Amino acid sequence: MLQRHVYLLGFMACGKTTVGRVLAQHLGCPFHDLDALIEQRHGSTIAALMAKHGEDAFRRLEADELRQAAQLPAGVVATGGGTPCFGSNMQFMKHQGITVYIELPAAELVERLSAQMGHRPLLMGIAPAMMLPFVEQLLAQRHPIYSQAHHRVEASGLSPEQLAEGIARRLPLS
C-alpha cells in the first residue's frame, strides 16, 4: 500500500496524466490530477484562468491546490509542467512524497504538443516554426529543477504501461 504521494513531474505533454492514471491503477491507489483539481475548484479551465489572472496569479492558485492535494489520500499526483518551478513547490513535493521526473527530448515533446497547441496556455501565439526553440529554451530553464526529483525516468519509446511499470518498480511501498 502506498504510504506517500507519488508526484509525477516533467514538461507539458510528457505523459504525466496518462501515465499517472495507469500507475495509480497498477498500485491500487487514487489518482489526482492537479490541473483537474484546479479546474473543479475554480469552475474554469487552466487556459481561462491564466488568460484572466496571468501566469503569476495562476501559479499561486496552483501552489495552493498542490498543498490541498497533499491532504488527500496517498496516491499518484500528476502536476502541471510548471508546478515544480514555482516558489517552494519542488521542496514541498519532495518532503511530502516521492517525486518522479518523466523526461522526453524536446523534439518528441514538440511532436506531441503540435496537436495540442490550442489547449496549452503557454503555447498560445507561438508559430509552429518557433515551437522547437521555445520548448528547448523552456526545458533548459526547467531541467535543473526537474532533475532534483527523487527518480528520473526516460520515457522515449515507452508505452504508458511500460513507463508506469518502470516507475512502480522504483517505489518503496511501505
C-alpha atoms as a PDB file:
ATOM      1  CA  MET A   1       0.000   0.000   0.000  1.00  0.00           C
ATOM      2  CA  LEU A   2       1.244   3.445  -0.920  1.00  0.00           C
ATOM      3  CA  GLN A   3       2.067   5.498   2.176  1.00  0.00           C
ATOM      4  CA  ARG A   4       3.028   8.788   0.500  1.00  0.00           C
ATOM      5  CA  HIS A   5       2.032  10.634  -2.644  1.00  0.00           C
ATOM      6  CA  VAL A   6       3.948   9.965  -5.840  1.00  0.00           C
ATOM      7  CA  TYR A   7       4.297  13.284  -7.681  1.00  0.00           C
ATOM      8  CA  LEU A   8       4.814  12.993 -11.436  1.00  0.00           C
ATOM      9  CA  LEU A   9       6.551  15.981 -12.945  1.00  0.00           C
ATOM     10  CA  GLY A  10       8.001  16.979 -16.259  1.00  0.00           C
ATOM     11  CA  PHE A  11       7.383  19.175 -19.265  1.00  0.00           C
ATOM     12  CA  MET A  12       3.902  19.571 -20.733  1.00  0.00           C
ATOM     13  CA  ALA A  13       2.884  16.595 -22.893  1.00  0.00           C
ATOM     14  CA  CYS A  14       5.444  14.228 -21.351  1.00  0.00           C
ATOM     15  CA  GLY A  15       2.577  11.961 -20.254  1.00  0.00           C
ATOM     16  CA  LYS A  16       2.100  12.764 -16.575  1.00  0.00           C
ATOM     17  CA  THR A  17      -1.689  12.405 -16.632  1.00  0.00           C
ATOM     18  CA  THR A  18      -1.818   9.342 -18.879  1.00  0.00           C
ATOM     19  CA  VAL A  19       0.963   7.536 -17.037  1.00  0.00           C
ATOM     20  CA  GLY A  20      -0.414   8.708 -13.690  1.00  0.00           C
ATOM     21  CA  ARG A  21      -3.765   7.021 -14.302  1.00  0.00           C
ATOM     22  CA  VAL A  22      -2.067   3.771 -15.326  1.00  0.00           C
ATOM     23  CA  LEU A  23       0.349   3.915 -12.376  1.00  0.00           C
ATOM     24  CA  ALA A  24      -2.448   4.573  -9.866  1.00  0.00           C
ATOM     25  CA  GLN A  25      -4.408   1.628 -11.221  1.00  0.00           C
ATOM     26  CA  HIS A  26      -1.277  -0.547 -11.093  1.00  0.00           C
ATOM     27  CA  LEU A  27      -0.642   0.469  -7.467  1.00  0.00           C
ATOM     28  CA  GLY A  28      -4.317   0.279  -6.456  1.00  0.00           C
ATOM     29  CA  CYS A  29      -4.370   3.859  -5.191  1.00  0.00           C
ATOM     30  CA  PRO A  30      -6.158   7.112  -6.064  1.00  0.00           C
ATOM     31  CA  PHE A  31      -5.113   9.303  -8.972  1.00  0.00           C
ATOM     32  CA  HIS A  32      -5.141  13.087  -8.536  1.00  0.00           C
ATOM     33  CA  ASP A  33      -4.621  15.435 -11.475  1.00  0.00           C
ATOM     34  CA  LEU A  34      -3.583  18.859 -10.197  1.00  0.00           C
ATOM     35  CA  ASP A  35      -4.944  20.691 -13.253  1.00  0.00           C
ATOM     36  CA  ALA A  36      -8.313  18.927 -12.925  1.00  0.00           C
ATOM     37  CA  LEU A  37      -8.468  19.780  -9.212  1.00  0.00           C
ATOM     38  CA  ILE A  38      -7.806  23.452 -10.002  1.00  0.00           C
ATOM     39  CA  GLU A  39     -10.441  23.476 -12.753  1.00  0.00           C
ATOM     40  CA  GLN A  40     -13.013  21.851 -10.459  1.00  0.00           C
ATOM     41  CA  ARG A  41     -12.365  24.247  -7.581  1.00  0.00           C
ATOM     42  CA  HIS A  42     -12.434  27.369  -9.754  1.00  0.00           C
ATOM     43  CA  GLY A  43     -15.051  26.279 -12.297  1.00  0.00           C
ATOM     44  CA  SER A  44     -12.820  27.296 -15.176  1.00  0.00           C
ATOM     45  CA  THR A  45     -10.197  25.838 -17.490  1.00  0.00           C
ATOM     46  CA  ILE A  46      -6.484  26.336 -16.859  1.00  0.00           C
ATOM     47  CA  ALA A  47      -6.266  28.359 -20.092  1.00  0.00           C
ATOM     48  CA  ALA A  48      -9.099  30.665 -18.984  1.00  0.00           C
ATOM     49  CA  LEU A  49      -7.616  31.106 -15.505  1.00  0.00           C
ATOM     50  CA  MET A  50      -4.219  32.024 -16.960  1.00  0.00           C
ATOM     51  CA  ALA A  51      -5.784  34.393 -19.500  1.00  0.00           C
ATOM     52  CA  LYS A  52      -7.894  36.100 -16.847  1.00  0.00           C
ATOM     53  CA  HIS A  53      -5.388  36.314 -13.985  1.00  0.00           C
ATOM     54  CA  GLY A  54      -1.963  35.928 -15.638  1.00  0.00           C
ATOM     55  CA  GLU A  55       0.658  33.260 -15.066  1.00  0.00           C
ATOM     56  CA  ASP A  56       1.908  34.541 -11.695  1.00  0.00           C
ATOM     57  CA  ALA A  57      -1.573  34.529 -10.143  1.00  0.00           C
ATOM     58  CA  PHE A  58      -2.258  31.124 -11.672  1.00  0.00           C
ATOM     59  CA  ARG A  59       0.968  29.744 -10.174  1.00  0.00           C
ATOM     60  CA  ARG A  60      -0.189  30.918  -6.724  1.00  0.00           C
ATOM     61  CA  LEU A  61      -3.531  29.104  -7.225  1.00  0.00           C
ATOM     62  CA  GLU A  62      -1.601  26.046  -8.338  1.00  0.00           C
ATOM     63  CA  ALA A  63       0.678  26.154  -5.273  1.00  0.00           C
ATOM     64  CA  ASP A  64      -2.372  26.394  -3.008  1.00  0.00           C
ATOM     65  CA  GLU A  65      -4.022  23.453  -4.759  1.00  0.00           C
ATOM     66  CA  LEU A  66      -0.801  21.427  -4.510  1.00  0.00           C
ATOM     67  CA  ARG A  67      -0.837  21.900  -0.735  1.00  0.00           C
ATOM     68  CA  GLN A  68      -4.510  20.953  -0.543  1.00  0.00           C
ATOM     69  CA  ALA A  69      -3.887  17.853  -2.665  1.00  0.00           C
ATOM     70  CA  ALA A  70      -1.263  16.757  -0.122  1.00  0.00           C
ATOM     71  CA  GLN A  71      -4.163  16.254   2.317  1.00  0.00           C
ATOM     72  CA  LEU A  72      -5.898  13.767   0.006  1.00  0.00           C
ATOM     73  CA  PRO A  73      -5.396  10.013   0.478  1.00  0.00           C
ATOM     74  CA  ALA A  74      -1.951   8.874  -0.669  1.00  0.00           C
ATOM     75  CA  GLY A  75      -1.940   8.400  -4.401  1.00  0.00           C
ATOM     76  CA  VAL A  76      -0.381   9.415  -7.682  1.00  0.00           C
ATOM     77  CA  VAL A  77      -0.454  13.167  -8.372  1.00  0.00           C
ATOM     78  CA  ALA A  78       0.069  14.475 -11.917  1.00  0.00           C
ATOM     79  CA  THR A  79       1.393  18.023 -11.645  1.00  0.00           C
ATOM     80  CA  GLY A  80       1.424  20.799 -14.215  1.00  0.00           C
ATOM     81  CA  GLY A  81       4.608  21.263 -16.223  1.00  0.00           C
ATOM     82  CA  GLY A  82       5.488  24.446 -14.339  1.00  0.00           C
ATOM     83  CA  THR A  83       4.371  23.318 -10.889  1.00  0.00           C
ATOM     84  CA  PRO A  84       7.798  22.329  -9.533  1.00  0.00           C
ATOM     85  CA  CYS A  85       9.360  25.541 -10.846  1.00  0.00           C
ATOM     86  CA  PHE A  86       7.285  27.967  -8.789  1.00  0.00           C
ATOM     87  CA  GLY A  87       8.259  29.059  -5.291  1.00  0.00           C
ATOM     88  CA  SER A  88       8.969  26.171  -2.954  1.00  0.00           C
ATOM     89  CA  ASN A  89       6.755  23.624  -4.745  1.00  0.00           C
ATOM     90  CA  MET A  90       9.588  21.225  -5.573  1.00  0.00           C
ATOM     91  CA  GLN A  91      10.847  21.142  -1.996  1.00  0.00           C
ATOM     92  CA  PHE A  92       7.271  20.722  -0.764  1.00  0.00           C
ATOM     93  CA  MET A  93       6.654  17.724  -3.037  1.00  0.00           C
ATOM     94  CA  LYS A  94       9.977  16.121  -2.123  1.00  0.00           C
ATOM     95  CA  HIS A  95       9.142  16.499   1.569  1.00  0.00           C
ATOM     96  CA  GLN A  96       5.554  15.247   1.203  1.00  0.00           C
ATOM     97  CA  GLY A  97       6.179  12.312  -1.096  1.00  0.00           C
ATOM     98  CA  ILE A  98       8.224  10.789  -3.861  1.00  0.00           C
ATOM     99  CA  THR A  99       8.953  12.846  -6.974  1.00  0.00           C
ATOM    100  CA  VAL A 100       9.402  11.298 -10.414  1.00  0.00           C
ATOM    101  CA  TYR A 101      10.649  13.287 -13.416  1.00  0.00           C
ATOM    102  CA  ILE A 102       9.281  11.935 -16.695  1.00  0.00           C
ATOM    103  CA  GLU A 103      11.867  13.030 -19.251  1.00  0.00           C
ATOM    104  CA  LEU A 104      11.460  13.334 -23.013  1.00  0.00           C
ATOM    105  CA  PRO A 105      13.661  15.043 -25.613  1.00  0.00           C
ATOM    106  CA  ALA A 106      12.498  18.452 -26.885  1.00  0.00           C
ATOM    107  CA  ALA A 107      11.807  17.188 -30.424  1.00  0.00           C
ATOM    108  CA  GLU A 108       9.477  14.476 -29.122  1.00  0.00           C
ATOM    109  CA  LEU A 109       7.715  16.983 -26.862  1.00  0.00           C
ATOM    110  CA  VAL A 110       7.173  19.310 -29.843  1.00  0.00           C
ATOM    111  CA  GLU A 111       5.714  16.437 -31.839  1.00  0.00           C
ATOM    112  CA  ARG A 112       3.228  15.709 -29.044  1.00  0.00           C
ATOM    113  CA  LEU A 113       2.486  19.394 -28.410  1.00  0.00           C
ATOM    114  CA  SER A 114       1.834  20.317 -32.033  1.00  0.00           C
ATOM    115  CA  ALA A 115      -1.591  18.636 -31.831  1.00  0.00           C
ATOM    116  CA  GLN A 116      -2.404  20.369 -28.529  1.00  0.00           C
ATOM    117  CA  MET A 117      -1.359  23.975 -29.144  1.00  0.00           C
ATOM    118  CA  GLY A 118      -4.871  25.374 -28.700  1.00  0.00           C
ATOM    119  CA  HIS A 119      -5.166  23.750 -25.273  1.00  0.00           C
ATOM    120  CA  ARG A 120      -1.807  24.823 -23.861  1.00  0.00           C
ATOM    121  CA  PRO A 121      -1.808  28.394 -22.488  1.00  0.00           C
ATOM    122  CA  LEU A 122       1.960  28.808 -22.674  1.00  0.00           C
ATOM    123  CA  LEU A 123       1.901  27.927 -26.372  1.00  0.00           C
ATOM    124  CA  MET A 124      -0.686  30.494 -27.408  1.00  0.00           C
ATOM    125  CA  GLY A 125       0.771  32.702 -30.122  1.00  0.00           C
ATOM    126  CA  ILE A 126       3.825  30.506 -30.763  1.00  0.00           C
ATOM    127  CA  ALA A 127       4.317  29.953 -34.508  1.00  0.00           C
ATOM    128  CA  PRO A 128       4.824  26.290 -35.448  1.00  0.00           C
ATOM    129  CA  ALA A 129       8.309  27.093 -36.766  1.00  0.00           C
ATOM    130  CA  MET A 130       9.227  28.519 -33.343  1.00  0.00           C
ATOM    131  CA  MET A 131       7.953  25.582 -31.285  1.00  0.00           C
ATOM    132  CA  LEU A 132      11.246  23.679 -31.090  1.00  0.00           C
ATOM    133  CA  PRO A 133      13.346  26.679 -29.983  1.00  0.00           C
ATOM    134  CA  PHE A 134      10.630  27.683 -27.496  1.00  0.00           C
ATOM    135  CA  VAL A 135      10.424  24.179 -25.990  1.00  0.00           C
ATOM    136  CA  GLU A 136      14.217  23.828 -25.904  1.00  0.00           C
ATOM    137  CA  GLN A 137      14.581  27.147 -24.082  1.00  0.00           C
ATOM    138  CA  LEU A 138      11.817  26.487 -21.536  1.00  0.00           C
ATOM    139  CA  LEU A 139      13.012  22.915 -20.998  1.00  0.00           C
ATOM    140  CA  ALA A 140      16.561  24.184 -20.403  1.00  0.00           C
ATOM    141  CA  GLN A 141      15.208  26.575 -17.751  1.00  0.00           C
ATOM    142  CA  ARG A 142      13.138  23.896 -16.034  1.00  0.00           C
ATOM    143  CA  HIS A 143      15.503  20.930 -16.348  1.00  0.00           C
ATOM    144  CA  PRO A 144      17.663  21.851 -13.312  1.00  0.00           C
ATOM    145  CA  ILE A 145      14.539  21.875 -11.142  1.00  0.00           C
ATOM    146  CA  TYR A 146      13.030  18.727 -12.674  1.00  0.00           C
ATOM    147  CA  SER A 147      16.364  16.965 -12.151  1.00  0.00           C
ATOM    148  CA  GLN A 148      16.041  17.405  -8.381  1.00  0.00           C
ATOM    149  CA  ALA A 149      13.338  14.708  -8.374  1.00  0.00           C
ATOM    150  CA  HIS A 150      13.932  11.544  -6.370  1.00  0.00           C
ATOM    151  CA  HIS A 151      13.668   9.495  -9.575  1.00  0.00           C
ATOM    152  CA  ARG A 152      14.209  10.329 -13.222  1.00  0.00           C
ATOM    153  CA  VAL A 153      12.757   8.156 -15.985  1.00  0.00           C
ATOM    154  CA  GLU A 154      13.419   8.433 -19.695  1.00  0.00           C
ATOM    155  CA  ALA A 155      10.044   7.977 -21.403  1.00  0.00           C
ATOM    156  CA  SER A 156      11.071   7.968 -25.056  1.00  0.00           C
ATOM    157  CA  GLY A 157       9.815   4.877 -26.860  1.00  0.00           C
ATOM    158  CA  LEU A 158       7.887   3.532 -23.870  1.00  0.00           C
ATOM    159  CA  SER A 159       4.140   2.976 -23.690  1.00  0.00           C
ATOM    160  CA  PRO A 160       2.279   4.421 -20.685  1.00  0.00           C
ATOM    161  CA  GLU A 161       2.022   0.885 -19.297  1.00  0.00           C
ATOM    162  CA  GLN A 162       5.762   0.246 -19.631  1.00  0.00           C
ATOM    163  CA  LEU A 163       6.542   3.594 -18.056  1.00  0.00           C
ATOM    164  CA  ALA A 164       4.124   3.001 -15.161  1.00  0.00           C
ATOM    165  CA  GLU A 165       5.650  -0.425 -14.514  1.00  0.00           C
ATOM    166  CA  GLY A 166       9.155   1.076 -14.534  1.00  0.00           C
ATOM    167  CA  ILE A 167       8.128   3.764 -12.067  1.00  0.00           C
ATOM    168  CA  ALA A 168       6.329   1.273  -9.812  1.00  0.00           C
ATOM    169  CA  ARG A 169       9.490  -0.848  -9.536  1.00  0.00           C
ATOM    170  CA  ARG A 170      11.359   2.166  -8.109  1.00  0.00           C
ATOM    171  CA  LEU A 171       8.830   2.984  -5.397  1.00  0.00           C
ATOM    172  CA  PRO A 172       9.026   1.912  -1.764  1.00  0.00           C
ATOM    173  CA  LEU A 173       5.542   0.667  -0.987  1.00  0.00           C
ATOM    174  CA  SER A 174       5.771   0.826   2.772  1.00  0.00           C
END
